[in-house]
Protein backbone atom coordinates (compact mmCIF):
# COMPACT_ATOMS: atom_id res chain seq x y z
CA UNK A 1 -2.66 69.50 -56.53
CA UNK A 2 -0.95 71.79 -53.94
CA UNK A 3 -4.42 72.60 -52.19
CA UNK A 4 -4.80 68.71 -51.43
CA UNK A 5 -1.55 68.60 -50.18
CA UNK A 6 -1.62 71.92 -47.81
CA UNK A 7 -5.15 70.34 -46.33
CA UNK A 8 -3.24 66.76 -45.90
CA UNK A 9 -0.37 68.46 -43.59
CA UNK A 10 -2.85 70.56 -41.21
CA UNK A 11 -4.66 67.10 -40.53
CA UNK A 12 -1.38 66.05 -39.57
CA UNK A 13 -0.89 68.34 -36.88
CA UNK A 14 -3.42 67.73 -34.91
CA UNK A 15 -2.82 64.15 -35.13
CA UNK A 16 -0.65 62.21 -32.71
CA UNK A 17 2.44 60.53 -33.69
CA UNK A 18 1.10 57.23 -33.21
CA UNK A 19 -2.12 57.83 -35.24
CA UNK A 20 -0.22 59.00 -37.82
CA UNK A 21 1.90 55.86 -38.24
CA UNK A 22 -1.27 53.56 -38.16
CA UNK A 23 -2.69 55.75 -40.85
CA UNK A 24 0.31 55.44 -43.00
CA UNK A 25 0.63 51.59 -42.27
CA UNK A 26 -2.34 50.57 -43.42
CA UNK A 27 -4.14 47.84 -40.49
CA UNK A 28 -1.41 48.51 -38.30
CA UNK A 29 -2.50 47.67 -34.55
CA UNK A 30 -1.02 46.52 -30.98
CA UNK A 31 0.21 42.87 -31.65
CA UNK A 32 1.47 42.15 -28.31
CA UNK A 33 0.47 39.37 -26.24
CA UNK A 34 -0.77 40.35 -23.09
CA UNK A 35 -2.09 38.34 -19.49
CA UNK A 36 -5.53 38.75 -18.50
CA UNK A 37 -5.50 36.54 -15.48
CA UNK A 38 -3.47 34.24 -14.03
CA UNK A 39 -4.58 31.96 -11.31
CA UNK A 40 -2.99 29.62 -8.85
CA UNK A 41 -5.25 26.29 -7.97
CA UNK A 42 -4.40 24.04 -5.17
CA UNK A 43 -4.70 20.33 -5.68
CA UNK A 44 -7.29 18.65 -3.64
CA UNK A 45 -5.28 16.75 -0.85
CA UNK A 46 -1.97 17.38 -2.40
CA UNK A 47 0.23 20.03 -1.03
CA UNK A 48 3.41 18.63 -3.73
CA UNK A 49 1.53 20.05 -6.68
CA UNK A 50 -0.02 23.41 -7.88
CA UNK A 51 -1.73 24.08 -10.91
CA UNK A 52 -1.25 27.53 -12.63
CA UNK A 53 -4.06 29.26 -14.97
CA UNK A 54 -3.03 31.38 -17.52
CA UNK A 55 -5.60 33.49 -19.73
CA UNK A 56 -3.77 35.67 -22.74
CA UNK A 57 -5.23 37.93 -24.84
CA UNK A 58 -4.84 35.73 -27.91
CA UNK A 59 -3.51 32.59 -28.89
CA UNK A 60 -0.02 32.32 -27.78
CA UNK A 61 2.76 29.92 -27.14
CA UNK A 62 3.15 30.02 -23.21
CA UNK A 63 5.16 28.06 -20.39
CA UNK A 64 5.68 28.45 -16.56
CA UNK A 65 9.20 28.95 -15.56
CA UNK A 66 9.58 28.58 -11.58
CA UNK A 67 12.01 27.91 -8.62
CA UNK A 68 12.24 27.84 -5.21
CA UNK A 69 13.12 30.80 -3.39
CA UNK A 70 15.39 29.96 -1.13
CA UNK A 71 17.16 28.08 -4.23
CA UNK A 72 16.64 30.42 -7.29
CA UNK A 73 20.28 29.38 -9.33
CA UNK A 74 18.33 25.75 -9.84
CA UNK A 75 14.97 26.79 -12.17
CA UNK A 76 12.40 24.34 -13.34
CA UNK A 77 10.28 24.81 -16.93
CA UNK A 78 7.43 23.45 -17.95
CA UNK A 79 6.41 22.49 -21.42
CA UNK A 80 5.24 24.77 -24.05
CA UNK A 81 1.16 25.54 -24.27
CA UNK A 82 0.34 26.79 -27.31
CA UNK A 83 -2.43 27.45 -29.94
CA UNK A 84 -4.84 28.98 -27.08
CA UNK A 85 -5.49 31.63 -25.05
CA UNK A 86 -6.23 29.60 -21.82
CA UNK A 87 -3.45 27.44 -20.38
CA UNK A 88 -3.25 25.29 -17.26
CA UNK A 89 0.13 23.97 -15.75
CA UNK A 90 0.77 21.39 -13.34
CA UNK A 91 3.72 22.14 -11.55
CA UNK A 92 4.83 18.60 -9.92
CA UNK A 93 7.26 17.01 -7.15
CA UNK A 94 7.02 20.24 -5.26
CA UNK A 95 8.73 20.52 -1.75
CA UNK A 96 5.95 20.36 1.15
CA UNK A 97 6.47 23.81 3.38
CA UNK A 98 8.59 25.79 0.82
CA UNK A 99 8.30 29.19 -1.14
CA UNK A 100 8.37 28.92 -4.49
CA UNK A 101 8.54 31.80 -6.98
CA UNK A 102 7.61 31.79 -11.00
CA UNK A 103 7.16 33.91 -13.98
CA UNK A 104 4.96 33.38 -17.02
CA UNK A 105 6.94 33.21 -19.90
CA UNK A 106 5.52 33.71 -23.85
CA UNK A 107 7.77 32.04 -26.68
CA UNK A 108 7.48 33.29 -30.17
CA UNK A 109 9.76 32.11 -32.99
CA UNK A 110 12.29 30.93 -30.28
CA UNK A 111 12.29 34.30 -28.65
CA UNK A 112 11.26 34.34 -25.09
CA UNK A 113 9.57 37.22 -23.19
CA UNK A 114 8.42 37.36 -19.61
CA UNK A 115 5.01 38.38 -19.11
CA UNK A 116 3.91 40.31 -16.08
CA UNK A 117 5.38 39.93 -12.67
CA UNK A 118 7.18 37.24 -10.60
CA UNK A 119 4.67 35.76 -8.65
CA UNK A 120 5.37 33.83 -5.28
CA UNK A 121 3.06 30.66 -3.80
CA UNK A 122 3.86 28.61 -0.59
CA UNK A 123 3.17 24.88 -0.26
CA UNK A 124 1.81 23.04 2.35
CA UNK A 125 3.04 21.21 5.26
CA UNK A 126 2.80 17.24 4.17
CA UNK A 127 0.18 15.79 6.12
CA UNK A 128 0.80 13.55 9.15
CA UNK A 129 -1.21 10.71 7.96
CA UNK A 130 0.85 10.86 4.87
CA UNK A 131 4.28 11.28 6.42
CA UNK A 132 3.60 8.36 8.44
CA UNK A 133 3.06 6.15 5.68
CA UNK A 134 6.74 6.21 4.83
CA UNK A 135 9.68 6.18 7.12
CA UNK A 136 12.85 7.97 5.87
CA UNK A 137 14.98 5.83 4.18
CA UNK A 138 17.81 3.69 6.04
CA UNK A 139 20.92 4.08 3.32
CA UNK A 140 24.14 2.44 2.69
CA UNK A 141 26.39 4.73 0.33
CA UNK A 142 26.92 4.72 -2.40
CA UNK A 143 23.75 3.69 -4.17
CA UNK A 144 23.75 2.57 -7.47
CA UNK A 145 23.47 5.76 -9.76
CA UNK A 146 20.32 4.49 -11.60
CA UNK A 147 18.69 4.02 -8.56
CA UNK A 148 19.51 7.32 -7.14
CA UNK A 149 18.25 8.92 -10.10
CA UNK A 150 14.97 7.07 -9.82
CA UNK A 151 11.59 6.76 -8.06
CA UNK A 152 9.91 3.81 -6.76
CA UNK A 153 6.26 3.40 -6.83
CA UNK A 154 3.85 1.89 -3.59
CA UNK A 155 0.07 1.69 -3.15
CA UNK A 156 -2.14 1.29 -0.20
CA UNK A 157 -4.93 -0.98 -0.59
CA UNK A 158 -6.70 0.55 2.63
CA UNK A 159 -8.89 3.14 2.62
CA UNK A 160 -8.23 5.94 1.82
CA UNK A 161 -6.49 4.39 -1.29
CA UNK A 162 -3.09 6.29 -1.77
CA UNK A 163 -0.25 6.08 -4.61
CA UNK A 164 3.21 7.34 -3.52
CA UNK A 165 6.23 7.99 -5.79
CA UNK A 166 9.15 8.12 -3.16
CA UNK A 167 12.96 8.98 -4.21
CA UNK A 168 16.16 7.88 -2.89
CA UNK A 169 15.98 9.33 0.10
CA UNK A 170 12.98 8.10 0.92
CA UNK A 171 10.83 10.84 0.46
CA UNK A 172 7.13 11.49 -1.06
CA UNK A 173 7.80 13.42 -3.68
CA UNK A 174 3.95 12.56 -5.26
CA UNK A 175 1.09 11.00 -4.44
CA UNK A 176 -2.67 10.50 -5.24
CA UNK A 177 -5.53 9.85 -2.93
CA UNK A 178 -9.08 8.05 -3.45
CA UNK A 179 -11.28 8.78 -0.30
CA UNK A 180 -13.45 5.54 -0.87
CA UNK A 181 -11.46 2.92 -2.79
CA UNK A 182 -8.05 1.04 -2.42
CA UNK A 183 -5.14 0.99 -4.43
CA UNK A 184 -5.10 -3.25 -5.49
CA UNK A 185 -2.46 -2.81 -7.99
CA UNK A 186 -0.44 0.24 -9.33
CA UNK A 187 1.52 0.20 -12.57
CA UNK A 188 3.62 3.52 -14.08
CA UNK A 189 2.74 3.00 -17.92
CA UNK A 190 4.85 4.24 -21.05
CA UNK A 191 2.35 7.50 -21.58
CA UNK A 192 3.78 8.35 -17.74
CA UNK A 193 0.27 7.81 -16.47
CA UNK A 194 -0.53 5.77 -13.45
CA UNK A 195 -2.87 2.60 -14.84
CA UNK A 196 -4.24 0.87 -11.20
CA UNK A 197 -7.15 -1.42 -10.10
CA UNK A 198 -9.13 -0.16 -7.66
CA UNK A 199 -12.01 -1.27 -5.31
CA UNK A 200 -13.65 -0.74 -1.98
CA UNK A 201 -12.87 -2.92 1.35
CA UNK A 202 -15.92 -4.95 0.41
CA UNK A 203 -13.57 -6.77 -2.39
CA UNK A 204 -10.88 -8.91 -0.98
CA UNK A 205 -6.80 -8.44 -0.71
CA UNK A 206 -6.00 -7.40 -4.32
CA UNK A 207 -9.29 -8.33 -6.34
CA UNK A 208 -10.78 -5.06 -8.29
CA UNK A 209 -13.67 -3.99 -9.65
CA UNK A 210 -12.74 -0.43 -11.26
CA UNK A 211 -9.87 0.52 -13.49
CA UNK A 212 -8.78 4.00 -12.97
CA UNK A 213 -6.04 5.38 -14.96
CA UNK A 214 -5.04 9.19 -13.93
CA UNK A 215 -2.05 11.61 -15.17
CA UNK A 216 0.80 12.39 -13.14
CA UNK A 217 -1.36 15.99 -12.82
CA UNK A 218 -3.95 13.62 -10.93
CA UNK A 219 -6.59 13.85 -13.89
CA UNK A 220 -8.53 10.90 -15.01
CA UNK A 221 -7.38 9.77 -17.91
CA UNK A 222 -9.43 6.63 -18.01
CA UNK A 223 -12.31 4.97 -16.03
CA UNK A 224 -14.18 1.76 -16.55
CA UNK A 225 -16.20 -0.56 -14.00
CA UNK A 226 -17.32 -3.53 -14.04
CA UNK A 227 -20.36 -4.07 -16.33
CA UNK A 228 -19.09 -1.48 -18.50
CA UNK A 229 -18.08 -2.78 -22.06
CA UNK A 230 -16.08 -5.87 -22.28
CA UNK A 231 -15.06 -5.32 -18.48
CA UNK A 232 -17.73 -8.46 -17.36
CA UNK A 233 -15.71 -10.24 -14.73
CA UNK A 234 -13.58 -9.29 -11.43
CA UNK A 235 -10.04 -8.43 -12.15
CA UNK A 236 -7.29 -9.19 -9.61
CA UNK A 237 -3.45 -9.13 -8.73
CA UNK A 238 -2.19 -7.53 -12.47
CA UNK A 239 -3.61 -4.95 -15.04
CA UNK A 240 -0.95 -3.27 -17.55
CA UNK A 241 -0.91 -2.09 -21.06
CA UNK A 242 0.78 -4.76 -23.57
CA UNK A 243 2.83 -3.25 -26.95
CA UNK A 244 -0.43 -2.86 -28.45
CA UNK A 245 -2.03 -0.64 -25.84
CA UNK A 246 -4.43 -3.26 -24.64
CA UNK A 247 -5.51 -4.14 -21.31
CA UNK A 248 -4.15 -7.31 -20.18
CA UNK A 249 -5.87 -8.40 -16.84
CA UNK A 250 -6.08 -11.70 -14.33
CA UNK A 251 -9.39 -12.47 -13.73
CA UNK A 252 -11.97 -14.49 -11.29
CA UNK A 253 -13.53 -17.74 -12.94
CA UNK A 254 -16.15 -19.53 -11.64
CA UNK A 255 -17.28 -23.07 -12.57
CA UNK A 256 -20.04 -25.16 -11.47
CA UNK A 257 -18.69 -28.43 -11.52
CA UNK A 258 -19.40 -32.45 -11.11
CA UNK A 259 -17.17 -33.22 -8.11
CA UNK A 260 -19.00 -36.61 -6.84
CA UNK A 261 -16.09 -38.35 -7.99
CA UNK A 262 -13.65 -36.86 -5.70
CA UNK A 263 -16.20 -36.92 -2.80
CA UNK A 264 -17.88 -33.47 -3.44
CA UNK A 265 -21.26 -32.58 -4.70
CA UNK A 266 -22.55 -32.93 -8.27
CA UNK A 267 -22.99 -29.36 -8.63
CA UNK A 268 -19.56 -27.54 -6.75
CA UNK A 269 -18.36 -24.29 -7.31
CA UNK A 270 -14.53 -24.08 -8.18
CA UNK A 271 -12.89 -20.90 -7.88
CA UNK A 272 -10.04 -20.54 -10.53
CA UNK A 273 -8.54 -17.84 -12.58
CA UNK A 274 -8.14 -16.41 -16.44
CA UNK A 275 -6.94 -13.70 -18.64
CA UNK A 276 -9.07 -10.93 -20.35
CA UNK A 277 -7.50 -8.49 -22.78
CA UNK A 278 -9.32 -5.55 -23.30
CA UNK A 279 -8.63 -2.53 -26.07
CA UNK A 280 -7.88 0.92 -24.87
CA UNK A 281 -11.78 1.68 -24.75
CA UNK A 282 -12.35 -1.42 -22.72
CA UNK A 283 -14.29 -3.81 -25.36
CA UNK A 284 -13.26 -7.38 -24.96
CA UNK A 285 -10.41 -8.72 -27.44
CA UNK A 286 -9.40 -11.94 -26.10
CA UNK A 287 -10.00 -14.10 -22.99
CA UNK A 288 -9.04 -17.22 -21.52
CA UNK A 289 -9.82 -19.45 -18.41
CA UNK A 290 -7.69 -22.32 -16.56
CA UNK A 291 -10.67 -24.27 -16.84
CA UNK A 292 -10.11 -24.66 -20.91
CA UNK A 293 -6.86 -26.51 -20.11
CA UNK A 294 -6.89 -28.31 -16.65
CA UNK A 295 -9.74 -30.76 -15.32
CA UNK A 296 -10.36 -29.90 -11.58
CA UNK A 297 -10.40 -33.66 -11.10
CA UNK A 298 -7.10 -34.38 -12.02
CA UNK A 299 -6.20 -32.59 -8.46
CA UNK A 300 -6.19 -34.77 -5.90
CA UNK A 301 -6.81 -31.83 -3.09
CA UNK A 302 -9.61 -30.02 -5.15
CA UNK A 303 -12.13 -30.46 -2.28
CA UNK A 304 -9.93 -28.28 -0.22
CA UNK A 305 -8.55 -26.00 -2.71
CA UNK A 306 -11.86 -25.39 -4.75
CA UNK A 307 -12.80 -22.08 -2.97
CA UNK A 308 -8.97 -20.86 -4.57
CA UNK A 309 -7.67 -23.31 -6.72
CA UNK A 310 -4.31 -22.73 -8.09
CA UNK A 311 -4.46 -18.70 -7.12
CA UNK A 312 -2.98 -16.85 -9.99
CA UNK A 313 -1.24 -13.63 -8.81
CA UNK A 314 1.44 -12.27 -11.52
CA UNK A 315 1.02 -12.42 -15.25
CA UNK A 316 3.41 -10.87 -17.83
CA UNK A 317 4.21 -10.90 -21.47
CA UNK A 318 7.54 -12.99 -22.49
CA UNK A 319 9.47 -12.23 -24.97
CA UNK A 320 7.87 -13.96 -27.73
CA UNK A 321 4.60 -12.35 -26.70
CA UNK A 322 2.95 -15.29 -25.06
CA UNK A 323 1.99 -15.10 -21.45
CA UNK A 324 4.12 -15.80 -18.14
CA UNK A 325 1.34 -16.85 -15.55
CA UNK A 326 2.45 -17.66 -12.12
CA UNK A 327 0.30 -19.81 -9.49
CA UNK A 328 0.93 -19.23 -5.72
CA UNK A 329 -0.73 -22.54 -4.36
CA UNK A 330 0.52 -24.69 -6.99
CA UNK A 331 3.85 -23.41 -7.00
CA UNK A 332 4.13 -23.29 -10.96
CA UNK A 333 4.54 -20.73 -13.87
CA UNK A 334 2.87 -21.80 -16.93
CA UNK A 335 3.63 -20.48 -20.22
CA UNK A 336 0.72 -19.93 -22.11
CA UNK A 337 0.33 -19.29 -26.02
CA UNK A 338 -1.47 -15.78 -26.63
CA UNK A 339 -3.43 -16.48 -29.32
CA UNK A 340 -4.00 -20.43 -29.08
CA UNK A 341 -4.56 -20.53 -25.38
CA UNK A 342 -3.05 -23.71 -25.09
CA UNK A 343 -0.60 -24.20 -22.01
CA UNK A 344 3.04 -24.13 -23.83
CA UNK A 345 4.85 -25.66 -20.54
CA UNK A 346 4.69 -25.59 -17.04
CA UNK A 347 7.44 -24.59 -14.57
CA UNK A 348 7.93 -25.31 -11.14
CA UNK A 349 6.43 -28.16 -8.40
CA UNK A 350 5.29 -31.44 -10.64
CA UNK A 351 6.26 -29.46 -13.90
CA UNK A 352 8.32 -30.25 -17.29
CA UNK A 353 11.48 -28.36 -16.14
CA UNK A 354 14.63 -30.26 -14.38
CA UNK A 355 16.12 -27.65 -11.90
CA UNK A 356 19.90 -27.85 -10.82
CA UNK A 357 19.99 -29.39 -7.13
CA UNK A 358 19.01 -26.69 -4.59
CA UNK A 359 17.50 -24.41 -7.51
CA UNK A 360 13.86 -24.97 -7.59
CA UNK A 361 11.30 -22.78 -6.22
CA UNK A 362 7.80 -23.16 -4.18
CA UNK A 363 5.51 -20.22 -3.96
CA UNK A 364 6.40 -17.03 -5.93
CA UNK A 365 4.87 -13.80 -7.27
CA UNK A 366 5.76 -11.18 -9.88
CA UNK A 367 7.61 -13.57 -12.50
CA UNK A 368 8.79 -11.96 -15.38
CA UNK A 369 11.41 -11.51 -17.87
CA UNK A 370 14.43 -9.09 -16.59
CA UNK A 371 16.28 -7.03 -19.28
CA UNK A 372 18.69 -9.75 -19.28
CA UNK A 373 16.42 -12.54 -20.74
CA UNK A 374 16.47 -14.16 -17.48
CA UNK A 375 13.08 -15.58 -15.77
CA UNK A 376 13.24 -13.47 -12.33
CA UNK A 377 10.69 -13.92 -9.39
CA UNK A 378 10.25 -13.26 -5.46
CA UNK A 379 10.35 -16.39 -3.68
CA UNK A 380 7.95 -16.24 -0.39
CA UNK A 381 9.47 -19.31 0.92
CA UNK A 382 6.84 -20.86 3.01
CA UNK A 383 8.91 -23.88 3.63
CA UNK A 384 11.94 -22.39 4.89
CA UNK A 385 10.38 -19.00 6.79
CA UNK A 386 12.76 -16.78 4.45
CA UNK A 387 11.87 -15.43 1.08
CA UNK A 388 14.77 -15.13 -1.90
CA UNK A 389 14.86 -13.81 -4.96
CA UNK A 390 15.82 -16.01 -8.17
CA UNK A 391 17.00 -15.62 -11.53
CA UNK A 392 17.02 -18.25 -13.81
CA UNK A 393 18.06 -19.04 -17.37
CA UNK A 394 15.44 -21.41 -19.35
CA UNK A 395 16.02 -23.92 -21.80
CA UNK A 396 12.64 -23.90 -23.59
CA UNK A 397 13.80 -26.37 -25.89
CA UNK A 398 14.82 -28.69 -23.17
CA UNK A 399 12.85 -28.15 -20.80
CA UNK A 400 16.23 -26.98 -18.43
CA UNK A 401 16.12 -24.41 -15.81
CA UNK A 402 19.63 -22.77 -14.93
CA UNK A 403 19.85 -21.19 -11.69
CA UNK A 404 21.64 -17.86 -12.49
CA UNK A 405 21.45 -16.12 -8.92
CA UNK A 406 19.91 -16.49 -5.68
CA UNK A 407 19.55 -14.05 -3.23
CA UNK A 408 18.45 -15.16 -0.08
CA UNK A 409 16.89 -12.32 2.12
CA UNK A 410 17.18 -11.28 5.59
CA UNK A 411 14.86 -12.93 7.92
CA UNK A 412 13.42 -9.81 8.60
CA UNK A 413 12.44 -9.29 5.10
CA UNK A 414 10.45 -12.56 4.70
CA UNK A 415 7.11 -12.12 3.42
CA UNK A 416 4.37 -15.30 3.43
CA UNK A 417 2.17 -13.51 0.91
CA UNK A 418 2.51 -11.50 -1.78
CA UNK A 419 6.06 -9.32 -2.88
CA UNK A 420 7.93 -8.68 -5.46
CA UNK A 421 11.48 -8.23 -6.61
CA UNK A 422 12.77 -6.02 -9.98
CA UNK A 423 15.84 -5.83 -11.66
CA UNK A 424 17.79 -2.37 -11.02
CA UNK A 425 20.96 -3.16 -12.27
CA UNK A 426 23.48 -6.79 -12.51
CA UNK A 427 24.17 -6.06 -8.90
CA UNK A 428 21.25 -4.81 -7.37
CA UNK A 429 17.37 -5.66 -7.12
CA UNK A 430 14.37 -3.65 -5.65
CA UNK A 431 12.72 -5.89 -3.50
CA UNK A 432 9.34 -5.43 -1.66
CA UNK A 433 9.10 -7.71 1.65
CA UNK A 434 4.98 -7.41 1.51
CA UNK A 435 4.32 -8.81 5.07
CA UNK A 436 7.32 -6.92 6.59
CA UNK A 437 6.28 -3.81 5.19
CA UNK A 438 9.39 -2.93 3.48
CA UNK A 439 10.56 -2.00 0.33
CA UNK A 440 14.42 -2.81 0.17
CA UNK A 441 17.47 -2.53 -2.68
CA UNK A 442 19.50 -5.40 -1.94
CA UNK A 443 22.81 -5.99 -3.71
CA UNK A 444 23.29 -9.96 -4.87
CA UNK A 445 24.52 -11.64 -1.66
CA UNK A 446 21.27 -9.92 -0.17
CA UNK A 447 22.84 -7.42 1.85
CA UNK A 448 20.47 -4.03 2.39
CA UNK A 449 21.54 -1.20 0.55
CA UNK A 450 18.53 0.89 0.85
CA UNK A 451 15.22 0.31 2.87
CA UNK A 452 12.08 2.42 3.45
CA UNK A 453 9.49 1.03 6.14
CA UNK A 454 5.57 1.64 5.48
CA UNK A 455 2.32 2.25 7.45
CA UNK A 456 0.84 -0.55 5.23
CA UNK A 457 1.75 -3.79 3.46
CA UNK A 458 2.62 -2.74 -0.22
CA UNK A 459 1.52 -5.57 -2.46
CA UNK A 460 4.06 -4.50 -4.90
CA UNK A 461 7.19 -1.94 -5.25
CA UNK A 462 7.90 -1.08 -9.18
CA UNK A 463 10.82 0.99 -9.89
CA UNK A 464 10.84 4.06 -12.29
CA UNK A 465 14.38 4.90 -13.75
CA UNK A 466 12.88 8.82 -14.68
CA UNK A 467 9.94 10.62 -14.93
CA UNK A 468 9.30 12.33 -18.42
CA UNK A 469 8.91 15.71 -17.24
CA UNK A 470 10.97 18.24 -19.61
CA UNK A 471 12.61 20.05 -16.33
CA UNK A 472 14.24 16.90 -14.96
């Protein structure tokens, strides 16, 4: 026994101390997380975003802490990426022409540790072609707090197609570009993605043949072309997810009908509207057509109107799950049963509701229920050459419409077509005056509190009260 112990300690004399402990503690190894590589990737055509790719030597929980070099006391962090070696972090809403610094941080059991050195990158100048799309905001202080903290989404239908998020200062803080198509409709989803209808210029105005959903990082989340799965009709004016995460769309419907009794032929084509519901994979769930519920021959002007009979321009879900569908040319809003497809009621010109004196609307866009359960719409106002924002309380049993608010917009915000009005709070409304190339925040008297001018005609302007990013 003594001889064996002597030999053991002779061996220890020639071994390094670290080797000794590795032998003494069976299985000892270096378990630390180390960086293998860090790469910076600029987003194609987007100077307000940078992607950092981090590769570690083993699966790890990693995040990025970053800050503008000129303002180091205000730093931001990304979400934690865990359970893998390769991590990808999009840094969003960066300032143009600014210097940023960042550090790669590992998190284990709520203990954080910086890996490697602090790194630096520079953002480029915002391209002049994009700067000219949104002019600096005209602001009358103070702005409502909710609006000051939020963002406005607008989209360009021309080429190249572009979407912009604009802050309360009128600054573009995010944008996304596609070269060969325009964004006809754009919605910000509950999943913090942008759901859009796109099409080349061969498609008119708000008509489209592709559904494209992208993340804030610019990644394609969903893409479906006309002719694929249940997408068998041209979509126009509307595209959004309902609470079942189904795609709700307005469609172009064509029927060949005998209009000889109205002075036409026995085979005239009438263009109308429909509703198409697709599941989140693009399979058809439900469809409806205006031809199912209304005979075109009941319209005495059908020969003049047959190429664009009623012109549906907005679709929304009512509080009971049924649909609210607005028609520009007929000056009506219909409520449609979301299951049976029958028309529950018609509101507007020659409709079933009574209005107070001076409270009726004519053409409308973007009709929906606001958070106060009031019907809200943008009235184009072609009869008076002046647009209004109108809100109603509806007595659906008695078919009476009570006018809650009528906001007459300044004449320079008149828009003969297109446009929208969305509730911000009880005293302010976000208004898109499309043909005035303006997006404005107005109070209940119609006074402009905030305004941006655009280098294009925005179809709508959608308010986003916050972006669900962890560093804001």
